[in-house]
Protein backbone atom coordinates (compact mmCIF):
# COMPACT_ATOMS: atom_id res chain seq x y z
CA UNK A 1 0.00 0.00 0.00
CA UNK A 2 2.78 2.41 0.96
CA UNK A 3 4.62 1.57 -2.26
CA UNK A 4 1.46 2.34 -4.29
CA UNK A 5 1.08 5.69 -2.52
CA UNK A 6 4.75 6.57 -3.15
CA UNK A 7 4.40 5.62 -6.84
CA UNK A 8 1.20 7.67 -7.06
CA UNK A 9 2.92 10.66 -5.52
CA UNK A 10 5.61 10.52 -8.19
CA UNK A 11 2.85 10.66 -10.82
CA UNK A 12 1.10 13.55 -9.09
CA UNK A 13 -1.68 11.34 -7.69
CA UNK A 14 -2.97 11.52 -4.12
CA UNK A 15 -4.72 8.89 -1.98
CA UNK A 16 -8.11 9.89 -3.41
CA UNK A 17 -6.83 9.38 -6.98
CA UNK A 18 -5.41 5.97 -6.12
CA UNK A 19 -8.68 4.95 -4.49
CA UNK A 20 -10.66 5.92 -7.58
CA UNK A 21 -8.24 4.05 -9.85
CA UNK A 22 -8.90 1.00 -7.70
CA UNK A 23 -12.65 1.56 -8.05
CA UNK A 24 -12.61 1.64 -11.86
CA UNK A 25 -10.46 -1.50 -11.99
CA UNK A 26 -12.87 -3.27 -9.62
CA UNK A 27 -15.93 -2.18 -11.61
CA UNK A 28 -14.40 -3.07 -14.97
CA UNK A 29 -13.57 -6.60 -13.81
CA UNK A 30 -16.90 -6.90 -11.99
CA UNK A 31 -18.81 -6.82 -15.29
CA UNK A 32 -17.09 -10.03 -16.42
CA UNK A 33 -17.39 -11.67 -13.00
CA UNK A 34 -21.13 -10.96 -12.86
CA UNK A 35 -21.60 -12.31 -16.41
CA UNK A 36 -20.00 -15.58 -15.27
CA UNK A 37 -22.27 -15.76 -12.20
CA UNK A 38 -25.40 -15.13 -14.29
CA UNK A 39 -24.76 -18.36 -16.19
CA UNK A 40 -26.00 -20.21 -13.08
CA UNK A 41 -28.10 -17.70 -11.11
CA UNK A 42 -31.07 -15.57 -12.15
CA UNK A 43 -30.08 -11.88 -12.42
CA UNK A 44 -32.45 -10.58 -9.73
CA UNK A 45 -31.70 -13.52 -7.41
CA UNK A 46 -27.97 -12.73 -7.69
CA UNK A 47 -28.61 -9.06 -6.99
CA UNK A 48 -30.78 -9.85 -3.98
CA UNK A 49 -28.08 -11.97 -2.33
CA UNK A 50 -25.18 -9.62 -2.98
CA UNK A 51 -27.18 -6.61 -1.80
CA UNK A 52 -28.26 -8.33 1.41
CA UNK A 53 -24.62 -9.19 2.15
CA UNK A 54 -23.45 -5.66 1.26
CA UNK A 55 -26.03 -3.98 3.50
CA UNK A 56 -25.20 -6.24 6.45
CA UNK A 57 -21.50 -5.40 6.02
CA UNK A 58 -22.12 -1.65 5.69
CA UNK A 59 -24.40 -1.48 8.74
CA UNK A 60 -21.84 -3.40 10.82
CA UNK A 61 -19.11 -1.02 9.65
CA UNK A 62 -21.30 1.93 10.54
CA UNK A 63 -21.68 0.61 14.09
CA UNK A 64 -18.00 -0.39 14.27
CA UNK A 65 -16.92 3.20 13.56
CA UNK A 66 -19.36 4.59 16.10
CA UNK A 67 -21.72 6.29 13.66
CA UNK A 68 -25.43 6.59 14.36
CA UNK A 69 -28.12 5.24 12.05
CA UNK A 70 -30.20 8.31 12.89
CA UNK A 71 -30.87 11.19 10.49
CA UNK A 72 -33.34 14.05 10.43
CA UNK A 73 -36.71 13.32 8.83
CA UNK A 74 -35.76 15.51 5.86
CA UNK A 75 -32.46 13.73 5.26
CA UNK A 76 -34.13 10.36 5.79
CA UNK A 77 -36.58 11.10 2.97
CA UNK A 78 -33.73 12.25 0.74
CA UNK A 79 -31.77 9.08 1.45
CA UNK A 80 -34.86 6.99 0.68
CA UNK A 81 -35.24 8.79 -2.65
CA UNK A 82 -31.56 8.33 -3.43
CA UNK A 83 -31.88 4.66 -2.55
CA UNK A 84 -34.77 4.08 -4.94
CA UNK A 85 -33.00 5.96 -7.75
CA UNK A 86 -29.39 4.92 -7.22
CA UNK A 87 -29.94 1.35 -6.05
CA UNK A 88 -33.42 0.02 -6.87
CA UNK A 89 -33.82 1.50 -10.37
CA UNK A 90 -30.11 1.48 -11.18
CA UNK A 91 -29.45 -2.09 -10.09
CA UNK A 92 -32.53 -3.59 -11.74
CA UNK A 93 -31.67 -1.92 -15.04
CA UNK A 94 -27.99 -2.80 -14.66
CA UNK A 95 -28.32 -6.49 -13.79
CA UNK A 96 -31.11 -7.19 -16.29
CA UNK A 97 -29.27 -5.22 -18.98
CA UNK A 98 -25.95 -6.97 -18.36
CA UNK A 99 -27.67 -10.36 -18.51
CA UNK A 100 -28.95 -9.54 -22.01
CA UNK A 101 -25.92 -7.79 -23.53
CA UNK A 102 -22.13 -8.12 -23.40
CA UNK A 103 -19.69 -6.93 -20.75
CA UNK A 104 -17.88 -4.79 -23.34
CA UNK A 105 -21.09 -3.04 -24.46
CA UNK A 106 -22.00 -2.43 -20.81
CA UNK A 107 -18.59 -0.95 -20.06
CA UNK A 108 -18.61 1.35 -23.08
CA UNK A 109 -22.16 2.55 -22.52
CA UNK A 110 -21.16 3.54 -18.98
CA UNK A 111 -18.40 5.61 -20.57
CA UNK A 112 -20.94 8.40 -21.02
CA UNK A 113 -21.10 8.97 -17.23
CA UNK A 114 -18.71 11.98 -17.03
CA UNK A 115 -20.58 13.84 -19.78
CA UNK A 116 -24.01 13.29 -18.23
CA UNK A 117 -22.72 14.26 -14.78
CA UNK A 118 -21.30 17.49 -16.26
CA UNK A 119 -24.66 18.35 -17.86
CA UNK A 120 -26.60 17.59 -14.67
CA UNK A 121 -24.14 19.69 -12.67
CA UNK A 122 -24.80 22.56 -15.09
CA UNK A 123 -28.57 22.23 -14.63
CA UNK A 124 -28.16 22.28 -10.84
CA UNK A 125 -25.79 25.24 -10.95
CA UNK A 126 -22.69 23.31 -9.86
CA UNK A 127 -20.83 23.72 -13.15
CA UNK A 128 -20.51 25.95 -16.21
CA UNK A 129 -20.15 24.12 -19.54
CA UNK A 130 -18.38 25.82 -22.44
CA UNK A 131 -18.95 25.34 -26.17
CA UNK A 132 -16.26 22.63 -26.14
CA UNK A 133 -18.17 20.88 -23.38
CA UNK A 134 -21.40 20.85 -25.38
CA UNK A 135 -19.54 19.58 -28.46
CA UNK A 136 -18.06 16.84 -26.31
CA UNK A 137 -21.51 15.88 -25.05
CA UNK A 138 -22.74 15.59 -28.64
CA UNK A 139 -19.79 13.39 -29.60
CA UNK A 140 -20.27 11.16 -26.57
CA UNK A 141 -23.97 10.63 -27.29
CA UNK A 142 -23.09 9.90 -30.93
CA UNK A 143 -20.66 7.27 -29.71
CA UNK A 144 -23.39 5.70 -27.60
CA UNK A 145 -25.57 5.45 -30.70
CA UNK A 146 -22.79 3.74 -32.69
CA UNK A 147 -22.27 1.16 -29.95
CA UNK A 148 -25.97 0.41 -29.46
CA UNK A 149 -26.91 0.45 -33.17
CA UNK A 150 -23.79 -1.32 -34.48
CA UNK A 151 -24.01 -4.99 -35.43
CA UNK A 152 -21.66 -7.40 -33.67
CA UNK A 153 -19.80 -9.96 -35.83
CA UNK A 154 -20.97 -13.57 -35.93
CA UNK A 155 -19.00 -15.98 -33.78
CA UNK A 156 -18.97 -14.40 -30.35
CA UNK A 157 -21.35 -13.31 -27.57
CA UNK A 158 -24.08 -11.17 -29.12
CA UNK A 159 -25.37 -7.98 -27.46
CA UNK A 160 -29.05 -7.08 -27.61
CA UNK A 161 -30.81 -3.74 -28.10
CA UNK A 162 -32.98 -4.35 -25.03
CA UNK A 163 -29.93 -5.06 -22.88
CA UNK A 164 -28.08 -2.02 -24.20
CA UNK A 165 -31.04 0.29 -23.52
CA UNK A 166 -31.44 -1.08 -19.99
CA UNK A 167 -27.74 -0.43 -19.34
CA UNK A 168 -28.12 3.09 -20.75
CA UNK A 169 -31.02 3.65 -18.34
CA UNK A 170 -28.85 2.35 -15.49
CA UNK A 171 -26.05 4.76 -16.40
CA UNK A 172 -28.47 7.71 -16.26
CA UNK A 173 -29.72 6.56 -12.83
CA UNK A 174 -26.12 6.40 -11.62
CA UNK A 175 -25.37 9.91 -12.93
CA UNK A 176 -28.41 11.40 -11.20
CA UNK A 177 -27.49 9.57 -8.00
CA UNK A 178 -23.91 10.86 -8.11
CA UNK A 179 -24.99 14.48 -8.53
CA UNK A 180 -27.97 14.46 -6.16
CA UNK A 181 -26.03 12.73 -3.37
CA UNK A 182 -23.47 15.51 -3.08
CA UNK A 183 -25.45 17.95 -0.87
CA UNK A 184 -26.31 15.30 1.70
CA UNK A 185 -22.63 14.28 1.85
CA UNK A 186 -22.00 17.70 3.40
CA UNK A 187 -23.89 16.50 6.50
CA UNK A 188 -23.19 12.77 6.64
CA UNK A 189 -20.20 10.54 5.98
CA UNK A 190 -19.85 8.58 2.71
CA UNK A 191 -20.19 5.36 4.75
CA UNK A 192 -23.48 6.48 6.29
CA UNK A 193 -24.93 7.77 2.99
CA UNK A 194 -23.95 4.52 1.25
CA UNK A 195 -25.29 2.26 4.02
CA UNK A 196 -28.64 4.00 4.50
CA UNK A 197 -29.38 4.72 0.83
CA UNK A 198 -28.48 1.13 -0.07
CA UNK A 199 -30.79 -0.17 2.68
CA UNK A 200 -33.69 1.86 1.27
CA UNK A 201 -32.77 0.70 -2.22
CA UNK A 202 -32.87 -2.93 -1.12
CA UNK A 203 -36.34 -2.42 0.37
CA UNK A 204 -37.50 -1.14 -3.02
CA UNK A 205 -35.74 -4.02 -4.77
CA UNK A 206 -37.23 -6.82 -2.65
CA UNK A 207 -40.57 -7.13 -4.52
CA UNK A 208 -38.55 -7.80 -7.69
CA UNK A 209 -35.76 -9.92 -6.18
CA UNK A 210 -37.70 -12.06 -3.68
CA UNK A 211 -39.58 -14.19 -6.27
CA UNK A 212 -36.36 -14.85 -8.19
CA UNK A 213 -34.52 -15.76 -4.98
CA UNK A 214 -37.31 -18.19 -4.05
CA UNK A 215 -37.20 -19.84 -7.48
CA UNK A 216 -33.42 -20.26 -7.51
CA UNK A 217 -32.11 -23.73 -6.57
CA UNK A 218 -29.21 -22.61 -4.38
CA UNK A 219 -27.97 -26.19 -3.89
CA UNK A 220 -26.83 -26.25 -7.52
CA UNK A 221 -24.80 -23.03 -7.28
CA UNK A 222 -21.08 -23.78 -7.64
CA UNK A 223 -18.25 -22.41 -5.45
CA UNK A 224 -17.12 -20.31 -8.44
CA UNK A 225 -20.40 -18.39 -8.38
CA UNK A 226 -20.28 -17.93 -4.61
CA UNK A 227 -16.76 -16.52 -5.03
CA UNK A 228 -18.09 -14.17 -7.71
CA UNK A 229 -20.86 -13.10 -5.33
CA UNK A 230 -18.30 -12.42 -2.61
CA UNK A 231 -16.17 -10.29 -4.93
CA UNK A 232 -19.17 -8.41 -6.28
CA UNK A 233 -20.72 -7.49 -2.93
CA UNK A 234 -17.51 -6.73 -1.02
CA UNK A 235 -15.45 -4.95 -3.66
CA UNK A 236 -17.94 -3.67 -6.26
CA UNK A 237 -20.56 -2.53 -3.74
CA UNK A 238 -19.13 -1.95 -0.26
CA UNK A 239 -15.56 -0.76 -0.85
CA UNK A 240 -16.12 0.94 -4.21
CA UNK A 241 -19.25 2.85 -3.17
CA UNK A 242 -17.54 4.20 -0.04
CA UNK A 243 -14.48 5.32 -2.04
CA UNK A 244 -16.66 6.86 -4.76
CA UNK A 245 -18.74 8.97 -2.39
CA UNK A 246 -15.75 9.92 -0.30
CA UNK A 247 -14.38 11.43 -3.50
CA UNK A 248 -17.70 13.15 -4.37
CA UNK A 249 -17.59 14.73 -0.91
CA UNK A 250 -13.91 15.67 -1.22
CA UNK A 251 -13.47 16.91 -4.81
CA UNK A 252 -16.98 17.13 -6.31
CA UNK A 253 -19.16 15.42 -8.92
CA UNK A 254 -17.32 16.10 -12.16
CA UNK A 255 -13.78 15.45 -10.96
CA UNK A 256 -14.92 12.13 -9.48
CA UNK A 257 -16.95 11.07 -12.52
CA UNK A 258 -13.95 11.63 -14.79
CA UNK A 259 -12.39 8.46 -13.38
CA UNK A 260 -15.21 6.39 -14.82
CA UNK A 261 -13.48 7.08 -18.18
CA UNK A 262 -11.35 4.03 -17.39
CA UNK A 263 -14.26 1.63 -16.82
CA UNK A 264 -14.85 1.18 -20.59
CA UNK A 265 -11.18 0.26 -21.02
CA UNK A 266 -10.97 -2.24 -18.17
CA UNK A 267 -14.45 -3.66 -18.81
CA UNK A 268 -13.94 -4.14 -22.55
CA UNK A 269 -10.53 -5.76 -22.09
CA UNK A 270 -11.85 -8.11 -19.39
CA UNK A 271 -14.78 -9.15 -21.62
CA UNK A 272 -12.42 -9.78 -24.55
CA UNK A 273 -9.86 -11.73 -22.51
CA UNK A 274 -12.11 -13.79 -20.24
CA UNK A 275 -15.41 -14.09 -22.12
CA UNK A 276 -14.22 -14.16 -25.73
CA UNK A 277 -16.27 -11.07 -26.66
CA UNK A 278 -15.46 -9.76 -30.12
CA UNK A 279 -14.12 -6.30 -30.92
CA UNK A 280 -15.46 -4.79 -34.16
CA UNK A 281 -15.39 -1.45 -36.05
CA UNK A 282 -18.65 0.04 -34.73
CA UNK A 283 -17.49 -0.69 -31.18
CA UNK A 284 -14.14 0.99 -31.81
CA UNK A 285 -15.69 4.03 -33.51
CA UNK A 286 -18.23 4.43 -30.72
CA UNK A 287 -15.52 4.18 -28.08
CA UNK A 288 -13.37 6.73 -29.94
CA UNK A 289 -16.30 9.17 -30.15
CA UNK A 290 -17.03 8.78 -26.41
CA UNK A 291 -13.40 9.37 -25.44
CA UNK A 292 -13.15 12.37 -27.78
CA UNK A 293 -16.32 13.74 -26.22
CA UNK A 294 -14.92 13.25 -22.74
CA UNK A 295 -11.69 15.00 -23.76
CA UNK A 296 -13.64 18.00 -25.06
CA UNK A 297 -15.75 18.09 -21.92
CA UNK A 298 -12.57 18.04 -19.84
CA UNK A 299 -11.26 21.13 -21.70
CA UNK A 300 -13.71 23.25 -19.70
CA UNK A 301 -12.50 21.98 -16.32
CA UNK A 302 -10.51 25.04 -15.15
CA UNK A 303 -13.48 27.33 -15.82
CA UNK A 304 -15.96 24.98 -14.18
CA UNK A 305 -13.94 24.55 -11.00
CA UNK A 306 -14.30 28.20 -10.21
CA UNK A 307 -18.08 27.97 -10.21
CA UNK A 308 -18.44 24.67 -8.34
CA UNK A 309 -19.74 25.19 -4.81
CA UNK A 310 -17.45 23.93 -2.06
CA UNK A 311 -18.56 21.57 0.68
CA UNK A 312 -17.42 22.39 4.18
CA UNK A 313 -16.68 19.79 6.81
């Protein structure tokens, strides 16, 4: 760990940067790991189990660090709303979408996150977007179209339009959640916001997950899938969510979301290496358009930082 921090310092990275780099590596690999698990377990049954384990872990951590479960009524309602948006809606769209499309498509579609977060931050008065930023947004959305509309070659895992659109819906839920969670992070720790919003999200998810969990024959689930479940709940949910929202609290929405640029790279490579997913021209062109759009959006960063409200405490 100390070696990683020293290496990061030489590259101009701090502990927050290193944490976010770990998050995008975890999430990129998680797409492939979940795809493997879904060969044996129904999507919503898998989500129900990993969320139950994640919530139990988060609530125990909250108590371990001496934090209260209590919030004001107003903040409790906000956390409930965030939970339904950022966990119930997001996770149902994500897991059902991933089950129907490829890991590489999922990773690249999520590449639009920084652009959408920038636009939402503009709407909420957190950011100012320049002409370059708007041009970047147009390019990124064009790249999304190329990926979703492009035809995959015969001979490998085939994505579906339904799956791609569900993943796109999930990415929008995640962007809204990232931006809307920032004000409440001024009053509560990332651990508390993650634990309580995820608990509310699981409550909203239960009517969808419970029937699938009841149908699933858990005796037939192999150790490989249980290992995948362990990785997905502990790393992709508990650790990554805490690091993500610690960064939102510390440096803001846009500067945190920029790190999701790397998820398409790690996710696509993992799908290609471990699942045999095919790379093809439309995928490459779409990815290039998204990255060009992100680069243009990033050109307006110095101007936007001056207008972004600071969080105290």
